[in-house]
Structures are given as structure tokens and as C-alpha cells.
Amino acid sequence: MNVIAPPPVLDPQGGAAAFAEDLPRVLQLLDASRVEDLGWLRLNSLTLLVPMSGQRGEVPEEYLLKLGFQAYRRWPPSAQFVNPETLAFDPEQDSRWLPRLTSNECQTHLRYPHPSGGTIQLVCCSATLEFYDVGHNVEEEHLWSGKSTFYSTIVAIQRAFSESYQGSFGA
């Protein structure tokens, strides 16, 4: 049955604490002692940068995923692909930094209508905060339960890269 989850509620302090609690568990799962061992970068208590890549030809195309933990663990982390130089995203100038993902589990949108007006970049996946923020319909079994860790978000997006990567929006 399709449902619409209530809109997320931000809790930066709780999100930072939950992220700090889950990070060592994820590192242990991945047999790493530090985020840098995985090529990740923890910018601050609420932000993690995760390099990702897509393969269309012989040369992999590199992207940078920015995860935010402002509403984490009750809600999944926010997810946005960013320009690696600015760590921000402007759809007019940075479309080449947004991969086209078209899997059933995860799709990307350069400009998706936001209920409060305007548009946002959307990593359309039930393991991202923005999915709920835009009021997306979701099958009940795919709802974020708060029992998963942020690694579920990373895995879902990585899976979409391997199943349905179509290049970048700027190509």
C-alpha cells in the first residue's frame, strides 16, 4: 500500500549524536578504522562527503555525495550531489556534477518541485531525507524505519550507479 509519510522534523543535535553513534559501527562493518580509509571526509558533526563513480566507458566518472544528518536517525540523511570544489550545488552551473540514475530504487532529478515552492535537486530514494520532504508516495515496506544506518543510503545509491547510471545531467 502506498503511503505518504509525515514531513521530516529537523533535530540537528539529535542527528549529530546519532551519526556519531552509528559511524564507528559502519566503519567496523567496512573493516576501516577511519572515514579517510574509505575515501570519505567528515566535514563536521552533521556532514559526510562520500565519493562515488559511474562507469559508461573505460574511464569512471567521479561524483561527490554530501550526506547531512540534521534529522537523522528518525529520518534518513539528506543526500545531494555537489560540486567537489564548492561543496554546493547550483543547477545552472553544476549539472555535470549530478549523475543520471534511473533505477527503480533510486533516481535523480535536477529540478524537482518542492511543496514550499521552487525546485530542488532530488535523489529520489526512500533512504534520503528529501524523498520525505517533498511528500513522495512510498510503499509501506520501503519506509525508513530509523533502525537502518546512513550506510543504507550509501548502498542504495551505489546500487543505482551499478544498475542504471546514464552519465551526468551536464553531458
N, C-alpha and C. Protein backbone atom coordinates (compact mmCIF):
# COMPACT_ATOMS: atom_id res chain seq x y z
N MET A 1 0.83 -1.18 0.00
CA MET A 1 0.00 0.00 0.00
C MET A 1 0.88 1.24 0.00
N ASN A 2 0.59 2.19 -0.89
CA ASN A 2 1.31 3.45 -0.92
C ASN A 2 0.87 4.35 0.22
N VAL A 3 1.84 4.99 0.86
CA VAL A 3 1.54 5.95 1.92
C VAL A 3 2.37 7.19 1.68
N ILE A 4 1.96 8.27 2.29
CA ILE A 4 2.77 9.48 2.32
C ILE A 4 3.16 9.69 3.77
N ALA A 5 4.46 9.65 4.03
CA ALA A 5 4.95 9.83 5.40
C ALA A 5 4.78 11.29 5.81
N PRO A 6 4.66 11.54 7.10
CA PRO A 6 4.60 12.94 7.55
C PRO A 6 5.92 13.63 7.22
N PRO A 7 5.91 14.95 7.09
CA PRO A 7 7.15 15.64 6.75
C PRO A 7 8.19 15.47 7.86
N PRO A 8 9.47 15.42 7.48
CA PRO A 8 10.53 15.26 8.47
C PRO A 8 10.63 16.46 9.41
N VAL A 9 11.08 16.18 10.60
CA VAL A 9 11.33 17.22 11.59
C VAL A 9 12.83 17.25 11.84
N LEU A 10 13.43 18.42 11.69
CA LEU A 10 14.87 18.55 11.90
C LEU A 10 15.20 18.52 13.39
N ASP A 11 16.30 17.88 13.70
CA ASP A 11 16.82 17.79 15.07
C ASP A 11 18.35 17.68 14.96
N PRO A 12 19.03 18.80 14.66
CA PRO A 12 20.47 18.74 14.44
C PRO A 12 21.26 18.15 15.60
N GLN A 13 20.89 18.47 16.81
CA GLN A 13 21.62 17.94 17.96
C GLN A 13 21.46 16.42 18.06
N GLY A 14 20.24 15.94 17.95
CA GLY A 14 19.98 14.50 17.97
C GLY A 14 20.61 13.80 16.77
N GLY A 15 20.56 14.46 15.61
CA GLY A 15 21.16 13.89 14.40
C GLY A 15 22.67 13.74 14.53
N ALA A 16 23.32 14.75 15.09
CA ALA A 16 24.78 14.68 15.29
C ALA A 16 25.13 13.54 16.25
N ALA A 17 24.35 13.39 17.30
CA ALA A 17 24.61 12.33 18.28
C ALA A 17 24.39 10.95 17.65
N ALA A 18 23.33 10.79 16.88
CA ALA A 18 23.04 9.50 16.24
C ALA A 18 24.10 9.17 15.19
N PHE A 19 24.54 10.18 14.43
CA PHE A 19 25.59 9.96 13.45
C PHE A 19 26.89 9.55 14.15
N ALA A 20 27.24 10.23 15.23
CA ALA A 20 28.45 9.88 15.98
C ALA A 20 28.37 8.46 16.54
N GLU A 21 27.18 8.04 16.91
CA GLU A 21 26.99 6.68 17.43
C GLU A 21 27.08 5.62 16.33
N ASP A 22 26.52 5.92 15.16
CA ASP A 22 26.49 4.94 14.07
C ASP A 22 27.79 4.85 13.29
N LEU A 23 28.55 5.93 13.23
CA LEU A 23 29.76 5.94 12.41
C LEU A 23 30.74 4.83 12.78
N PRO A 24 31.08 4.62 14.05
CA PRO A 24 32.00 3.52 14.37
C PRO A 24 31.47 2.15 13.96
N ARG A 25 30.17 1.94 14.07
CA ARG A 25 29.57 0.65 13.66
C ARG A 25 29.72 0.43 12.16
N VAL A 26 29.50 1.49 11.39
CA VAL A 26 29.63 1.38 9.94
C VAL A 26 31.10 1.15 9.57
N LEU A 27 32.00 1.88 10.20
CA LEU A 27 33.42 1.68 9.92
C LEU A 27 33.85 0.25 10.22
N GLN A 28 33.38 -0.28 11.34
CA GLN A 28 33.72 -1.65 11.71
C GLN A 28 33.16 -2.63 10.67
N LEU A 29 31.93 -2.40 10.23
CA LEU A 29 31.31 -3.24 9.21
C LEU A 29 32.15 -3.26 7.93
N LEU A 30 32.75 -2.12 7.61
CA LEU A 30 33.54 -1.99 6.38
C LEU A 30 35.03 -2.24 6.61
N ASP A 31 35.36 -2.72 7.80
CA ASP A 31 36.74 -3.04 8.16
C ASP A 31 37.67 -1.84 7.98
N ALA A 32 37.21 -0.69 8.46
CA ALA A 32 38.00 0.54 8.39
C ALA A 32 38.10 1.14 9.79
N SER A 33 39.19 1.83 10.05
CA SER A 33 39.32 2.45 11.37
C SER A 33 38.98 3.95 11.32
N ARG A 34 39.06 4.55 10.13
CA ARG A 34 38.77 5.98 9.98
C ARG A 34 37.98 6.19 8.69
N VAL A 35 37.22 7.27 8.62
CA VAL A 35 36.47 7.57 7.39
C VAL A 35 37.41 7.76 6.21
N GLU A 36 38.59 8.31 6.47
CA GLU A 36 39.56 8.54 5.40
C GLU A 36 40.02 7.23 4.76
N ASP A 37 39.98 6.13 5.52
CA ASP A 37 40.34 4.83 4.95
C ASP A 37 39.40 4.44 3.82
N LEU A 38 38.21 4.98 3.82
CA LEU A 38 37.21 4.68 2.79
C LEU A 38 37.16 5.75 1.70
N GLY A 39 37.98 6.80 1.87
CA GLY A 39 37.95 7.92 0.94
C GLY A 39 36.89 8.94 1.29
N TRP A 40 36.23 8.75 2.42
CA TRP A 40 35.20 9.67 2.87
C TRP A 40 35.83 10.83 3.63
N LEU A 41 35.06 11.90 3.81
CA LEU A 41 35.51 13.04 4.59
C LEU A 41 34.37 13.52 5.48
N ARG A 42 34.63 13.56 6.77
CA ARG A 42 33.65 14.09 7.72
C ARG A 42 33.94 15.57 7.90
N LEU A 43 33.09 16.40 7.32
CA LEU A 43 33.30 17.85 7.38
C LEU A 43 33.07 18.41 8.77
N ASN A 44 32.01 17.93 9.40
CA ASN A 44 31.65 18.39 10.74
C ASN A 44 30.71 17.35 11.35
N SER A 45 30.10 17.67 12.46
CA SER A 45 29.27 16.68 13.16
C SER A 45 27.99 16.32 12.41
N LEU A 46 27.67 17.07 11.35
CA LEU A 46 26.43 16.83 10.61
C LEU A 46 26.63 16.53 9.13
N THR A 47 27.87 16.46 8.67
CA THR A 47 28.11 16.34 7.23
C THR A 47 29.20 15.32 6.91
N LEU A 48 28.87 14.43 5.96
CA LEU A 48 29.81 13.42 5.48
C LEU A 48 29.85 13.50 3.95
N LEU A 49 31.06 13.53 3.39
CA LEU A 49 31.24 13.52 1.94
C LEU A 49 31.69 12.13 1.52
N VAL A 50 31.03 11.60 0.49
CA VAL A 50 31.30 10.24 0.03
C VAL A 50 31.53 10.27 -1.48
N PRO A 51 32.76 9.98 -1.94
CA PRO A 51 33.00 9.90 -3.38
C PRO A 51 32.26 8.70 -3.99
N MET A 52 31.73 8.90 -5.19
CA MET A 52 31.05 7.83 -5.91
C MET A 52 31.45 7.93 -7.37
N SER A 53 31.27 6.85 -8.10
CA SER A 53 31.62 6.91 -9.51
C SER A 53 30.67 6.07 -10.34
N GLY A 54 30.53 6.48 -11.59
CA GLY A 54 29.72 5.76 -12.56
C GLY A 54 30.59 5.37 -13.73
N GLN A 55 30.26 4.28 -14.36
CA GLN A 55 31.05 3.76 -15.47
C GLN A 55 30.20 3.70 -16.72
N ARG A 56 30.59 4.48 -17.74
CA ARG A 56 29.91 4.40 -19.04
C ARG A 56 30.85 3.94 -20.12
N GLY A 57 32.07 4.33 -20.03
CA GLY A 57 33.08 3.91 -21.00
C GLY A 57 34.20 3.25 -20.22
N GLU A 58 35.40 3.54 -20.65
CA GLU A 58 36.55 2.95 -19.97
C GLU A 58 36.98 3.75 -18.75
N VAL A 59 36.64 5.02 -18.74
CA VAL A 59 37.07 5.90 -17.65
C VAL A 59 35.89 6.15 -16.70
N PRO A 60 36.06 5.86 -15.41
CA PRO A 60 34.96 6.14 -14.47
C PRO A 60 34.72 7.65 -14.35
N GLU A 61 33.48 8.01 -14.14
CA GLU A 61 33.11 9.42 -13.95
C GLU A 61 32.85 9.62 -12.47
N GLU A 62 33.53 10.60 -11.89
CA GLU A 62 33.54 10.80 -10.44
C GLU A 62 32.49 11.82 -9.99
N TYR A 63 31.89 11.53 -8.84
CA TYR A 63 30.89 12.40 -8.22
C TYR A 63 31.16 12.48 -6.73
N LEU A 64 30.56 13.48 -6.09
CA LEU A 64 30.71 13.63 -4.65
C LEU A 64 29.32 13.76 -4.02
N LEU A 65 28.99 12.81 -3.16
CA LEU A 65 27.71 12.79 -2.46
C LEU A 65 27.89 13.43 -1.09
N LYS A 66 27.04 14.38 -0.78
CA LYS A 66 27.07 15.07 0.52
C LYS A 66 25.88 14.59 1.33
N LEU A 67 26.17 13.94 2.45
CA LEU A 67 25.11 13.47 3.35
C LEU A 67 25.01 14.42 4.53
N GLY A 68 23.78 14.77 4.91
CA GLY A 68 23.54 15.64 6.05
C GLY A 68 22.68 14.92 7.08
N PHE A 69 22.99 15.16 8.34
CA PHE A 69 22.36 14.40 9.42
C PHE A 69 21.48 15.25 10.33
N GLN A 70 20.87 16.29 9.78
CA GLN A 70 20.05 17.23 10.55
C GLN A 70 18.78 16.62 11.13
N ALA A 71 18.34 15.49 10.61
CA ALA A 71 17.11 14.85 11.11
C ALA A 71 17.33 13.37 11.38
N TYR A 72 18.58 12.95 11.34
CA TYR A 72 18.96 11.55 11.45
C TYR A 72 18.74 11.04 12.86
N ARG A 73 18.40 10.06 13.12
CA ARG A 73 18.09 8.69 12.83
C ARG A 73 16.60 8.47 12.65
N ARG A 74 15.79 9.37 13.12
CA ARG A 74 14.36 9.23 12.87
C ARG A 74 14.08 9.25 11.38
N TRP A 75 14.91 10.02 10.66
CA TRP A 75 14.79 10.14 9.21
C TRP A 75 16.14 9.80 8.60
N PRO A 76 16.16 9.42 7.32
CA PRO A 76 17.46 9.14 6.68
C PRO A 76 18.25 10.42 6.51
N PRO A 77 19.53 10.29 6.18
CA PRO A 77 20.30 11.51 5.94
C PRO A 77 19.82 12.21 4.67
N SER A 78 20.03 13.51 4.63
CA SER A 78 19.80 14.21 3.37
C SER A 78 20.91 13.80 2.42
N ALA A 79 20.64 13.84 1.14
CA ALA A 79 21.62 13.42 0.14
C ALA A 79 21.57 14.38 -1.04
N GLN A 80 22.74 14.90 -1.38
CA GLN A 80 22.84 15.81 -2.51
C GLN A 80 24.21 15.61 -3.16
N PHE A 81 24.22 15.55 -4.48
CA PHE A 81 25.49 15.54 -5.19
C PHE A 81 25.95 16.98 -5.33
N VAL A 82 27.23 17.21 -5.08
CA VAL A 82 27.75 18.57 -5.05
C VAL A 82 28.97 18.72 -5.94
N ASN A 83 29.25 19.95 -6.29
CA ASN A 83 30.47 20.32 -7.00
C ASN A 83 31.62 20.09 -6.02
N PRO A 84 32.63 19.30 -6.37
CA PRO A 84 33.70 18.99 -5.42
C PRO A 84 34.54 20.20 -5.01
N GLU A 85 34.51 21.26 -5.80
CA GLU A 85 35.28 22.45 -5.44
C GLU A 85 34.54 23.35 -4.47
N THR A 86 33.21 23.48 -4.65
CA THR A 86 32.43 24.39 -3.82
C THR A 86 31.68 23.69 -2.70
N LEU A 87 31.51 22.37 -2.82
CA LEU A 87 30.72 21.54 -1.90
C LEU A 87 29.27 22.01 -1.82
N ALA A 88 28.82 22.67 -2.89
CA ALA A 88 27.44 23.13 -3.02
C ALA A 88 26.95 22.70 -4.40
N PHE A 89 25.68 22.99 -4.68
CA PHE A 89 25.13 22.62 -5.98
C PHE A 89 24.24 23.74 -6.49
N ASP A 90 24.57 24.24 -7.68
CA ASP A 90 23.76 25.23 -8.38
C ASP A 90 23.33 24.57 -9.69
N PRO A 91 22.02 24.33 -9.88
CA PRO A 91 21.57 23.60 -11.07
C PRO A 91 21.96 24.29 -12.39
N GLU A 92 22.17 25.59 -12.35
CA GLU A 92 22.55 26.32 -13.57
C GLU A 92 24.00 26.06 -13.95
N GLN A 93 24.86 25.87 -12.95
CA GLN A 93 26.30 25.76 -13.22
C GLN A 93 26.88 24.37 -12.93
N ASP A 94 26.22 23.58 -12.13
CA ASP A 94 26.82 22.34 -11.64
C ASP A 94 26.13 21.07 -12.12
N SER A 95 25.35 21.13 -13.19
CA SER A 95 24.60 19.94 -13.62
C SER A 95 25.53 18.78 -13.98
N ARG A 96 26.76 19.07 -14.35
CA ARG A 96 27.70 17.99 -14.68
C ARG A 96 28.10 17.18 -13.45
N TRP A 97 27.83 17.71 -12.26
CA TRP A 97 28.18 17.01 -11.02
C TRP A 97 27.02 16.18 -10.49
N LEU A 98 25.93 16.11 -11.25
CA LEU A 98 24.77 15.30 -10.85
C LEU A 98 24.64 14.11 -11.79
N PRO A 99 24.79 12.89 -11.28
CA PRO A 99 24.65 11.72 -12.15
C PRO A 99 23.19 11.45 -12.49
N ARG A 100 22.96 10.91 -13.68
CA ARG A 100 21.62 10.44 -14.04
C ARG A 100 21.49 8.99 -13.58
N LEU A 101 20.68 8.80 -12.55
CA LEU A 101 20.40 7.47 -12.03
C LEU A 101 18.94 7.19 -12.27
N THR A 102 18.62 6.01 -12.80
CA THR A 102 17.24 5.72 -13.19
C THR A 102 16.78 4.34 -12.75
N SER A 103 17.28 3.87 -11.61
CA SER A 103 16.84 2.55 -11.14
C SER A 103 15.48 2.66 -10.47
N ASN A 104 14.84 1.53 -10.24
CA ASN A 104 13.56 1.53 -9.53
C ASN A 104 13.72 2.03 -8.10
N GLU A 105 14.87 1.79 -7.52
CA GLU A 105 15.12 2.15 -6.11
C GLU A 105 15.60 3.58 -5.94
N CYS A 106 16.28 4.12 -6.94
CA CYS A 106 16.92 5.43 -6.78
C CYS A 106 17.01 6.14 -8.13
N GLN A 107 16.43 7.33 -8.19
CA GLN A 107 16.51 8.17 -9.38
C GLN A 107 16.95 9.56 -8.96
N THR A 108 17.58 10.27 -9.90
CA THR A 108 17.99 11.64 -9.60
C THR A 108 17.23 12.61 -10.49
N HIS A 109 16.96 13.78 -9.92
CA HIS A 109 16.25 14.86 -10.64
C HIS A 109 17.03 16.15 -10.44
N LEU A 110 17.29 16.84 -11.54
CA LEU A 110 17.99 18.12 -11.48
C LEU A 110 17.13 19.19 -10.81
N ARG A 111 15.87 19.23 -11.19
CA ARG A 111 14.94 20.22 -10.62
C ARG A 111 13.62 19.51 -10.31
N TYR A 112 13.36 19.31 -9.04
CA TYR A 112 12.13 18.63 -8.61
C TYR A 112 11.30 19.65 -7.82
N PRO A 113 10.01 19.77 -8.10
CA PRO A 113 9.19 20.75 -7.38
C PRO A 113 9.15 20.47 -5.87
N HIS A 114 9.37 21.51 -5.09
CA HIS A 114 9.29 21.38 -3.63
C HIS A 114 7.95 21.96 -3.18
N PRO A 115 7.29 21.32 -2.22
CA PRO A 115 5.97 21.79 -1.77
C PRO A 115 5.95 23.24 -1.28
N SER A 116 7.07 23.72 -0.79
CA SER A 116 7.10 25.11 -0.29
C SER A 116 7.41 26.10 -1.39
N GLY A 117 7.58 25.60 -2.62
CA GLY A 117 7.87 26.47 -3.76
C GLY A 117 9.27 26.24 -4.28
N GLY A 118 9.48 26.56 -5.53
CA GLY A 118 10.78 26.38 -6.14
C GLY A 118 11.07 24.92 -6.44
N THR A 119 12.31 24.66 -6.77
CA THR A 119 12.73 23.30 -7.09
C THR A 119 14.01 22.97 -6.31
N ILE A 120 14.25 21.67 -6.17
CA ILE A 120 15.45 21.19 -5.51
C ILE A 120 16.05 20.06 -6.34
N GLN A 121 17.34 19.80 -6.13
CA GLN A 121 17.93 18.56 -6.64
C GLN A 121 17.35 17.45 -5.77
N LEU A 122 16.91 16.37 -6.39
CA LEU A 122 16.34 15.28 -5.60
C LEU A 122 17.01 13.96 -5.95
N VAL A 123 17.58 13.33 -4.92
CA VAL A 123 18.00 11.95 -5.02
C VAL A 123 16.77 11.19 -4.52
N CYS A 124 15.98 10.71 -5.46
CA CYS A 124 14.67 10.15 -5.19
C CYS A 124 14.80 8.70 -4.76
N CYS A 125 14.86 8.50 -3.45
CA CYS A 125 15.10 7.20 -2.86
C CYS A 125 14.56 7.25 -1.44
N SER A 126 13.88 6.20 -1.01
CA SER A 126 13.29 6.22 0.33
C SER A 126 14.34 6.21 1.44
N ALA A 127 15.62 6.18 1.06
CA ALA A 127 16.71 6.26 2.04
C ALA A 127 17.35 7.65 2.06
N THR A 128 16.61 8.67 1.55
CA THR A 128 17.10 10.05 1.63
C THR A 128 16.02 10.94 2.25
N LEU A 129 16.45 11.92 2.98
CA LEU A 129 15.55 12.84 3.67
C LEU A 129 14.64 13.60 2.71
N GLU A 130 15.21 14.05 1.60
CA GLU A 130 14.45 14.87 0.66
C GLU A 130 13.26 14.12 0.06
N PHE A 131 13.37 12.82 -0.07
CA PHE A 131 12.28 11.98 -0.56
C PHE A 131 11.03 12.23 0.29
N TYR A 132 11.20 12.30 1.59
CA TYR A 132 10.07 12.53 2.50
C TYR A 132 9.70 14.00 2.56
N ASP A 133 10.70 14.87 2.42
CA ASP A 133 10.46 16.31 2.49
C ASP A 133 9.56 16.80 1.36
N VAL A 134 9.63 16.13 0.19
CA VAL A 134 8.77 16.54 -0.93
C VAL A 134 7.42 15.82 -0.91
N GLY A 135 7.19 14.98 0.09
CA GLY A 135 5.91 14.29 0.22
C GLY A 135 5.71 13.19 -0.79
N HIS A 136 6.76 12.50 -1.11
CA HIS A 136 6.71 11.42 -2.11
C HIS A 136 5.91 10.23 -1.58
N ASN A 137 5.14 9.60 -2.45
CA ASN A 137 4.47 8.34 -2.10
C ASN A 137 5.51 7.24 -1.96
N VAL A 138 5.27 6.32 -1.04
CA VAL A 138 6.21 5.22 -0.84
C VAL A 138 5.44 3.97 -0.41
N GLU A 139 5.92 2.83 -0.87
CA GLU A 139 5.35 1.57 -0.39
C GLU A 139 5.70 1.44 1.08
N GLU A 140 4.76 0.99 1.87
CA GLU A 140 4.96 0.91 3.32
C GLU A 140 6.22 0.13 3.71
N GLU A 141 6.52 -0.93 2.97
CA GLU A 141 7.69 -1.74 3.31
C GLU A 141 9.01 -1.03 3.01
N HIS A 142 8.97 0.09 2.27
CA HIS A 142 10.18 0.83 1.94
C HIS A 142 10.38 2.05 2.83
N LEU A 143 9.46 2.31 3.74
CA LEU A 143 9.60 3.45 4.64
C LEU A 143 10.87 3.33 5.48
N TRP A 144 11.54 4.46 5.69
CA TRP A 144 12.70 4.50 6.59
C TRP A 144 12.21 4.20 7.99
N SER A 145 12.82 3.24 8.64
CA SER A 145 12.32 2.82 9.96
C SER A 145 13.07 3.46 11.11
N GLY A 146 14.22 4.06 10.85
CA GLY A 146 15.03 4.58 11.94
C GLY A 146 15.92 3.50 12.54
N LYS A 147 15.76 2.26 12.05
CA LYS A 147 16.62 1.17 12.52
C LYS A 147 17.83 1.02 11.61
N SER A 148 17.73 1.52 10.40
CA SER A 148 18.84 1.46 9.46
C SER A 148 19.88 2.52 9.81
N THR A 149 21.07 2.37 9.24
CA THR A 149 22.08 3.41 9.40
C THR A 149 22.22 4.16 8.07
N PHE A 150 22.99 5.22 8.11
CA PHE A 150 23.24 6.00 6.91
C PHE A 150 23.90 5.16 5.81
N TYR A 151 24.51 4.06 6.19
CA TYR A 151 25.15 3.21 5.19
C TYR A 151 24.10 2.63 4.23
N SER A 152 22.87 2.45 4.69
CA SER A 152 21.79 2.00 3.80
C SER A 152 21.58 2.99 2.65
N THR A 153 21.72 4.26 2.95
CA THR A 153 21.59 5.30 1.93
C THR A 153 22.71 5.18 0.91
N ILE A 154 23.94 5.03 1.40
CA ILE A 154 25.09 4.90 0.52
C ILE A 154 24.95 3.68 -0.38
N VAL A 155 24.56 2.56 0.20
CA VAL A 155 24.41 1.31 -0.57
C VAL A 155 23.33 1.45 -1.64
N ALA A 156 22.21 2.06 -1.31
CA ALA A 156 21.12 2.22 -2.29
C ALA A 156 21.59 3.06 -3.48
N ILE A 157 22.33 4.12 -3.21
CA ILE A 157 22.81 4.99 -4.29
C ILE A 157 23.91 4.28 -5.08
N GLN A 158 24.80 3.57 -4.42
CA GLN A 158 25.82 2.81 -5.14
C GLN A 158 25.19 1.75 -6.03
N ARG A 159 24.16 1.11 -5.55
CA ARG A 159 23.46 0.10 -6.35
C ARG A 159 22.87 0.73 -7.61
N ALA A 160 22.32 1.93 -7.48
CA ALA A 160 21.76 2.62 -8.65
C ALA A 160 22.86 2.95 -9.65
N PHE A 161 24.04 3.31 -9.18
CA PHE A 161 25.16 3.55 -10.09
C PHE A 161 25.47 2.28 -10.89
N SER A 162 25.48 1.14 -10.22
CA SER A 162 25.84 -0.10 -10.93
C SER A 162 24.71 -0.60 -11.83
N GLU A 163 23.45 -0.26 -11.54
CA GLU A 163 22.31 -0.76 -12.31
C GLU A 163 21.84 0.17 -13.42
N SER A 164 21.97 1.49 -13.19
CA SER A 164 21.25 2.38 -14.11
C SER A 164 21.93 3.72 -14.38
N TYR A 165 23.23 3.78 -14.24
CA TYR A 165 23.95 5.05 -14.48
C TYR A 165 23.88 5.44 -15.95
N GLN A 166 23.48 6.70 -16.21
CA GLN A 166 23.28 7.19 -17.57
C GLN A 166 24.16 8.41 -17.89
N GLY A 167 25.27 8.58 -17.19
CA GLY A 167 26.09 9.77 -17.40
C GLY A 167 25.62 10.88 -16.48
N SER A 168 26.07 12.09 -16.78
CA SER A 168 25.67 13.21 -15.91
C SER A 168 24.59 14.05 -16.59
N PHE A 169 23.94 14.88 -15.81
CA PHE A 169 22.93 15.78 -16.36
C PHE A 169 23.57 16.82 -17.26
N GLY A 170 24.85 17.10 -17.04
CA GLY A 170 25.55 18.11 -17.84
C GLY A 170 26.15 17.57 -19.12
N ALA A 171 26.01 16.28 -19.37
CA ALA A 171 26.64 15.69 -20.57
C ALA A 171 25.86 16.04 -21.82
